[in-house]
Amino acid sequence: MDWVSLAVFIVGCSALDRFRGRETAVAAGVSKVAYGVFVALCLSGWDYQNWHTYAAGALFAAGSAPGWGNPIGAVLTRTEMPANTYQGWQKFKLVQTNVTAALLVRGLIWGAPVALMWFLQPGALQWFVPAVTMPLAFTAAPYLARKFVPAVTDRWAIMEHIRGGVFGALTGVAKAWI
C-alpha cells in the first residue's frame, strides 16, 4: 500500500466509523456495511470483483452490531461501568469490572468475524488483521479522546473519528506487511 492509499484509507475509516456511530443521519445498517466493504476492499487489495470482499465486509458489519456504550462511556466520563447497563456480551466478571479488558473484548468481537474468511481463502492472512487491529483501536480511542479532547465538545463523536483513524492506520500498515 502506497502512502496516498494509506492516507485515504485512514481518513475513510475515520469518517465511516463516525457515520456508523450514534446520532448521525446515515442509516445504521447502510453505514456499517459501507464501512465493512471499505475495510474489506483494502484487505483484498482493492479487489472489487471478488465476492469474498463483500462477504468480509458483511462479517465486519456484523461484528460492529452489538452494543458497546458501557465501557466507552466509563472511560470518557472517568466513572465505573454501571451494573444495570452491562451489554449482552459482558457476561463475565472481568469485562464487567475492568474497562480496558471490556474494550479489548468488544474490539475483538467487532474485528474477529472477518477472520472467518480464512476458511474460504486458506492462507489469506489479511483476514486476521481486523481481529488484532480493532481491539487495539477500540481500546486506545476512548483514552485518547479523554486525554486530548476538551470536555465541552462531543467527546464521543470525536472518539469515533479517532477510533476509525487508529484502526485505519494499524490495518493499513499491517496489510502492507502481509
C-alpha atoms as a PDB file:
ATOM      1  CA  MET A   1       0.000   0.000   0.000  1.00  0.00           C
ATOM      2  CA  ASP A   2       1.479   3.349  -1.003  1.00  0.00           C
ATOM      3  CA  TRP A   3       1.323   6.440   1.220  1.00  0.00           C
ATOM      4  CA  VAL A   4      -1.558   8.038  -0.661  1.00  0.00           C
ATOM      5  CA  SER A   5      -3.684   4.880  -0.401  1.00  0.00           C
ATOM      6  CA  LEU A   6      -2.825   4.623   3.299  1.00  0.00           C
ATOM      7  CA  ALA A   7      -3.844   8.244   3.900  1.00  0.00           C
ATOM      8  CA  VAL A   8      -7.130   7.752   2.024  1.00  0.00           C
ATOM      9  CA  PHE A   9      -7.776   4.566   3.991  1.00  0.00           C
ATOM     10  CA  ILE A  10      -7.128   6.271   7.346  1.00  0.00           C
ATOM     11  CA  VAL A  11      -9.376   9.234   6.543  1.00  0.00           C
ATOM     12  CA  GLY A  12     -12.037   6.907   5.114  1.00  0.00           C
ATOM     13  CA  CYS A  13     -12.046   4.701   8.213  1.00  0.00           C
ATOM     14  CA  SER A  14     -12.237   7.770  10.454  1.00  0.00           C
ATOM     15  CA  ALA A  15     -15.239   9.144   8.561  1.00  0.00           C
ATOM     16  CA  LEU A  16     -17.002   5.793   8.205  1.00  0.00           C
ATOM     17  CA  ASP A  17     -16.548   4.922  11.882  1.00  0.00           C
ATOM     18  CA  ARG A  18     -18.242   8.194  12.758  1.00  0.00           C
ATOM     19  CA  PHE A  19     -21.021   7.706  10.174  1.00  0.00           C
ATOM     20  CA  ARG A  20     -21.906   4.341  11.703  1.00  0.00           C
ATOM     21  CA  GLY A  21     -21.766   5.885  15.150  1.00  0.00           C
ATOM     22  CA  ARG A  22     -24.502   7.302  17.272  1.00  0.00           C
ATOM     23  CA  GLU A  23     -26.631  10.309  16.376  1.00  0.00           C
ATOM     24  CA  THR A  24     -25.802  10.503  12.672  1.00  0.00           C
ATOM     25  CA  ALA A  25     -28.157  10.965   9.733  1.00  0.00           C
ATOM     26  CA  VAL A  26     -26.813   7.856   7.978  1.00  0.00           C
ATOM     27  CA  ALA A  27     -28.897   4.693   8.464  1.00  0.00           C
ATOM     28  CA  ALA A  28     -27.060   2.307  10.789  1.00  0.00           C
ATOM     29  CA  GLY A  29     -27.232  -0.745   8.522  1.00  0.00           C
ATOM     30  CA  VAL A  30     -26.057   1.162   5.458  1.00  0.00           C
ATOM     31  CA  SER A  31     -23.163   2.818   7.270  1.00  0.00           C
ATOM     32  CA  LYS A  32     -21.984  -0.435   8.872  1.00  0.00           C
ATOM     33  CA  VAL A  33     -21.981  -2.272   5.542  1.00  0.00           C
ATOM     34  CA  ALA A  34     -20.248   0.656   3.804  1.00  0.00           C
ATOM     35  CA  TYR A  35     -17.523   0.653   6.471  1.00  0.00           C
ATOM     36  CA  GLY A  36     -17.164  -3.123   6.239  1.00  0.00           C
ATOM     37  CA  VAL A  37     -16.885  -3.143   2.461  1.00  0.00           C
ATOM     38  CA  PHE A  38     -14.355  -0.302   2.555  1.00  0.00           C
ATOM     39  CA  VAL A  39     -12.173  -2.243   5.014  1.00  0.00           C
ATOM     40  CA  ALA A  40     -12.584  -5.479   3.049  1.00  0.00           C
ATOM     41  CA  LEU A  41     -11.638  -3.722  -0.185  1.00  0.00           C
ATOM     42  CA  CYS A  42      -8.384  -2.600   1.393  1.00  0.00           C
ATOM     43  CA  LEU A  43      -7.657  -6.046   2.803  1.00  0.00           C
ATOM     44  CA  SER A  44      -8.394  -7.699  -0.549  1.00  0.00           C
ATOM     45  CA  GLY A  45      -6.039  -5.390  -2.413  1.00  0.00           C
ATOM     46  CA  TRP A  46      -8.989  -3.346  -3.767  1.00  0.00           C
ATOM     47  CA  ASP A  47     -10.434  -6.437  -5.479  1.00  0.00           C
ATOM     48  CA  TYR A  48     -13.988  -5.221  -6.044  1.00  0.00           C
ATOM     49  CA  GLN A  49     -14.834  -8.109  -8.405  1.00  0.00           C
ATOM     50  CA  ASN A  50     -14.387 -10.930  -5.878  1.00  0.00           C
ATOM     51  CA  TRP A  51     -17.412 -11.908  -3.800  1.00  0.00           C
ATOM     52  CA  HIS A  52     -15.092 -12.691  -0.886  1.00  0.00           C
ATOM     53  CA  THR A  53     -14.561  -8.956  -0.482  1.00  0.00           C
ATOM     54  CA  TYR A  54     -18.268  -8.360   0.089  1.00  0.00           C
ATOM     55  CA  ALA A  55     -18.597 -11.376   2.389  1.00  0.00           C
ATOM     56  CA  ALA A  56     -15.745  -9.993   4.517  1.00  0.00           C
ATOM     57  CA  GLY A  57     -17.467  -6.608   4.531  1.00  0.00           C
ATOM     58  CA  ALA A  58     -20.670  -8.193   5.797  1.00  0.00           C
ATOM     59  CA  LEU A  59     -18.754 -10.002   8.556  1.00  0.00           C
ATOM     60  CA  PHE A  60     -17.119  -6.729   9.625  1.00  0.00           C
ATOM     61  CA  ALA A  61     -20.546  -5.072   9.715  1.00  0.00           C
ATOM     62  CA  ALA A  62     -21.974  -7.950  11.761  1.00  0.00           C
ATOM     63  CA  GLY A  63     -19.181  -7.635  14.311  1.00  0.00           C
ATOM     64  CA  SER A  64     -19.905  -3.951  14.737  1.00  0.00           C
ATOM     65  CA  ALA A  65     -23.550  -4.546  15.618  1.00  0.00           C
ATOM     66  CA  PRO A  66     -23.614  -5.485  19.353  1.00  0.00           C
ATOM     67  CA  GLY A  67     -23.730  -2.667  21.902  1.00  0.00           C
ATOM     68  CA  TRP A  68     -20.610  -1.173  23.414  1.00  0.00           C
ATOM     69  CA  GLY A  69     -21.514   2.059  25.147  1.00  0.00           C
ATOM     70  CA  ASN A  70     -20.911   0.914  28.688  1.00  0.00           C
ATOM     71  CA  PRO A  71     -17.072   0.705  28.693  1.00  0.00           C
ATOM     72  CA  ILE A  72     -16.582   3.646  26.307  1.00  0.00           C
ATOM     73  CA  GLY A  73     -18.801   5.867  28.434  1.00  0.00           C
ATOM     74  CA  ALA A  74     -16.935   4.805  31.556  1.00  0.00           C
ATOM     75  CA  VAL A  75     -13.597   5.880  30.078  1.00  0.00           C
ATOM     76  CA  LEU A  76     -14.884   9.141  28.633  1.00  0.00           C
ATOM     77  CA  THR A  77     -16.557  10.161  31.904  1.00  0.00           C
ATOM     78  CA  ARG A  78     -13.969   8.652  34.290  1.00  0.00           C
ATOM     79  CA  THR A  79     -16.638   6.591  36.028  1.00  0.00           C
ATOM     80  CA  GLU A  80     -17.226   2.922  36.679  1.00  0.00           C
ATOM     81  CA  MET A  81     -19.362   0.865  34.330  1.00  0.00           C
ATOM     82  CA  PRO A  82     -22.851   0.803  35.874  1.00  0.00           C
ATOM     83  CA  ALA A  83     -24.013  -2.764  36.508  1.00  0.00           C
ATOM     84  CA  ASN A  84     -27.508  -2.004  35.238  1.00  0.00           C
ATOM     85  CA  THR A  85     -26.150  -1.069  31.784  1.00  0.00           C
ATOM     86  CA  TYR A  86     -23.933  -4.067  31.039  1.00  0.00           C
ATOM     87  CA  GLN A  87     -24.072  -5.067  27.388  1.00  0.00           C
ATOM     88  CA  GLY A  88     -25.175  -8.552  26.321  1.00  0.00           C
ATOM     89  CA  TRP A  89     -21.571  -9.638  25.759  1.00  0.00           C
ATOM     90  CA  GLN A  90     -20.499  -8.568  29.276  1.00  0.00           C
ATOM     91  CA  LYS A  91     -21.305 -11.897  30.950  1.00  0.00           C
ATOM     92  CA  PHE A  92     -18.026 -12.423  32.805  1.00  0.00           C
ATOM     93  CA  LYS A  93     -16.698 -10.568  35.837  1.00  0.00           C
ATOM     94  CA  LEU A  94     -13.504  -9.455  34.062  1.00  0.00           C
ATOM     95  CA  VAL A  95     -15.378  -7.472  31.389  1.00  0.00           C
ATOM     96  CA  GLN A  96     -17.808  -6.121  33.989  1.00  0.00           C
ATOM     97  CA  THR A  97     -15.150  -4.720  36.300  1.00  0.00           C
ATOM     98  CA  ASN A  98     -12.134  -3.985  34.073  1.00  0.00           C
ATOM     99  CA  VAL A  99     -12.806  -1.256  31.499  1.00  0.00           C
ATOM    100  CA  THR A 100      -9.668  -1.952  29.453  1.00  0.00           C
ATOM    101  CA  ALA A 101     -10.470  -5.670  29.256  1.00  0.00           C
ATOM    102  CA  ALA A 102     -14.032  -4.825  28.237  1.00  0.00           C
ATOM    103  CA  LEU A 103     -12.791  -2.526  25.452  1.00  0.00           C
ATOM    104  CA  LEU A 104     -10.340  -5.151  24.176  1.00  0.00           C
ATOM    105  CA  VAL A 105     -13.016  -7.850  24.131  1.00  0.00           C
ATOM    106  CA  ARG A 106     -15.531  -5.571  22.406  1.00  0.00           C
ATOM    107  CA  GLY A 107     -12.946  -4.661  19.765  1.00  0.00           C
ATOM    108  CA  LEU A 108     -12.257  -8.355  19.257  1.00  0.00           C
ATOM    109  CA  ILE A 109     -15.982  -9.030  18.826  1.00  0.00           C
ATOM    110  CA  TRP A 110     -16.002  -6.401  16.074  1.00  0.00           C
ATOM    111  CA  GLY A 111     -12.853  -7.473  14.223  1.00  0.00           C
ATOM    112  CA  ALA A 112     -12.754 -11.250  14.706  1.00  0.00           C
ATOM    113  CA  PRO A 113     -15.652 -12.260  12.431  1.00  0.00           C
ATOM    114  CA  VAL A 114     -13.612 -11.208   9.382  1.00  0.00           C
ATOM    115  CA  ALA A 115     -11.106 -13.956  10.262  1.00  0.00           C
ATOM    116  CA  LEU A 116     -13.773 -16.489   9.263  1.00  0.00           C
ATOM    117  CA  MET A 117     -12.866 -15.586   5.670  1.00  0.00           C
ATOM    118  CA  TRP A 118      -9.750 -17.708   6.119  1.00  0.00           C
ATOM    119  CA  PHE A 119     -11.957 -20.786   5.761  1.00  0.00           C
ATOM    120  CA  LEU A 120     -12.974 -19.571   2.300  1.00  0.00           C
ATOM    121  CA  GLN A 121      -9.468 -18.482   1.353  1.00  0.00           C
ATOM    122  CA  PRO A 122      -6.983 -20.650   3.300  1.00  0.00           C
ATOM    123  CA  GLY A 123      -3.632 -18.949   3.636  1.00  0.00           C
ATOM    124  CA  ALA A 124      -5.085 -15.446   3.171  1.00  0.00           C
ATOM    125  CA  LEU A 125      -3.691 -13.924   6.351  1.00  0.00           C
ATOM    126  CA  GLN A 126      -5.084 -10.450   5.659  1.00  0.00           C
ATOM    127  CA  TRP A 127      -8.464 -11.543   7.011  1.00  0.00           C
ATOM    128  CA  PHE A 128      -6.953 -11.875  10.507  1.00  0.00           C
ATOM    129  CA  VAL A 129      -5.789  -8.246  10.588  1.00  0.00           C
ATOM    130  CA  PRO A 130      -9.024  -6.690  11.997  1.00  0.00           C
ATOM    131  CA  ALA A 131      -9.023  -9.252  14.827  1.00  0.00           C
ATOM    132  CA  VAL A 132      -5.777  -7.652  16.007  1.00  0.00           C
ATOM    133  CA  THR A 133      -6.137  -4.021  14.956  1.00  0.00           C
ATOM    134  CA  MET A 134      -9.735  -3.334  16.038  1.00  0.00           C
ATOM    135  CA  PRO A 135      -9.205  -4.364  19.689  1.00  0.00           C
ATOM    136  CA  LEU A 136      -6.196  -2.042  19.833  1.00  0.00           C
ATOM    137  CA  ALA A 137      -8.039   0.867  18.204  1.00  0.00           C
ATOM    138  CA  PHE A 138     -11.206   0.234  20.212  1.00  0.00           C
ATOM    139  CA  THR A 139      -9.220   0.346  23.451  1.00  0.00           C
ATOM    140  CA  ALA A 140      -6.979   3.313  22.627  1.00  0.00           C
ATOM    141  CA  ALA A 141      -9.601   5.678  21.195  1.00  0.00           C
ATOM    142  CA  PRO A 142     -11.617   6.498  24.358  1.00  0.00           C
ATOM    143  CA  TYR A 143      -8.440   7.130  26.341  1.00  0.00           C
ATOM    144  CA  LEU A 144      -7.021   9.351  23.584  1.00  0.00           C
ATOM    145  CA  ALA A 145     -10.291  11.272  23.340  1.00  0.00           C
ATOM    146  CA  ARG A 146     -10.446  11.760  27.097  1.00  0.00           C
ATOM    147  CA  LYS A 147      -6.847  12.976  27.171  1.00  0.00           C
ATOM    148  CA  PHE A 148      -6.865  15.301  24.156  1.00  0.00           C
ATOM    149  CA  VAL A 149     -10.476  16.380  23.540  1.00  0.00           C
ATOM    150  CA  PRO A 150     -11.935  19.127  25.766  1.00  0.00           C
ATOM    151  CA  ALA A 151     -14.910  18.045  27.851  1.00  0.00           C
ATOM    152  CA  VAL A 152     -17.084  20.812  26.375  1.00  0.00           C
ATOM    153  CA  THR A 153     -17.096  19.103  22.967  1.00  0.00           C
ATOM    154  CA  ASP A 154     -18.821  15.890  21.920  1.00  0.00           C
ATOM    155  CA  ARG A 155     -16.029  13.565  23.010  1.00  0.00           C
ATOM    156  CA  TRP A 156     -17.974  10.522  21.885  1.00  0.00           C
ATOM    157  CA  ALA A 157     -18.237  11.687  18.277  1.00  0.00           C
ATOM    158  CA  ILE A 158     -14.581  12.681  18.146  1.00  0.00           C
ATOM    159  CA  MET A 159     -13.651   9.374  19.773  1.00  0.00           C
ATOM    160  CA  GLU A 160     -15.361   7.593  16.866  1.00  0.00           C
ATOM    161  CA  HIS A 161     -13.218   9.541  14.413  1.00  0.00           C
ATOM    162  CA  ILE A 162     -10.118   8.691  16.459  1.00  0.00           C
ATOM    163  CA  ARG A 163     -11.029   5.001  16.639  1.00  0.00           C
ATOM    164  CA  GLY A 164     -11.546   4.817  12.880  1.00  0.00           C
ATOM    165  CA  GLY A 165      -8.296   6.663  12.212  1.00  0.00           C
ATOM    166  CA  VAL A 166      -6.262   4.474  14.559  1.00  0.00           C
ATOM    167  CA  PHE A 167      -7.891   1.354  13.118  1.00  0.00           C
ATOM    168  CA  GLY A 168      -7.203   2.559   9.575  1.00  0.00           C
ATOM    169  CA  ALA A 169      -3.567   3.319  10.336  1.00  0.00           C
ATOM    170  CA  LEU A 170      -2.929  -0.004  12.076  1.00  0.00           C
ATOM    171  CA  THR A 171      -4.828  -2.014   9.467  1.00  0.00           C
ATOM    172  CA  GLY A 172      -3.195  -0.259   6.523  1.00  0.00           C
ATOM    173  CA  VAL A 173       0.304  -0.757   7.918  1.00  0.00           C
ATOM    174  CA  ALA A 174      -0.407  -4.398   8.791  1.00  0.00           C
ATOM    175  CA  LYS A 175      -1.817  -5.032   5.317  1.00  0.00           C
ATOM    176  CA  ALA A 176       1.334  -3.536   3.790  1.00  0.00           C
ATOM    177  CA  TRP A 177       3.478  -6.023   5.775  1.00  0.00           C
ATOM    178  CA  ILE A 178       1.487  -9.117   4.777  1.00  0.00           C
END
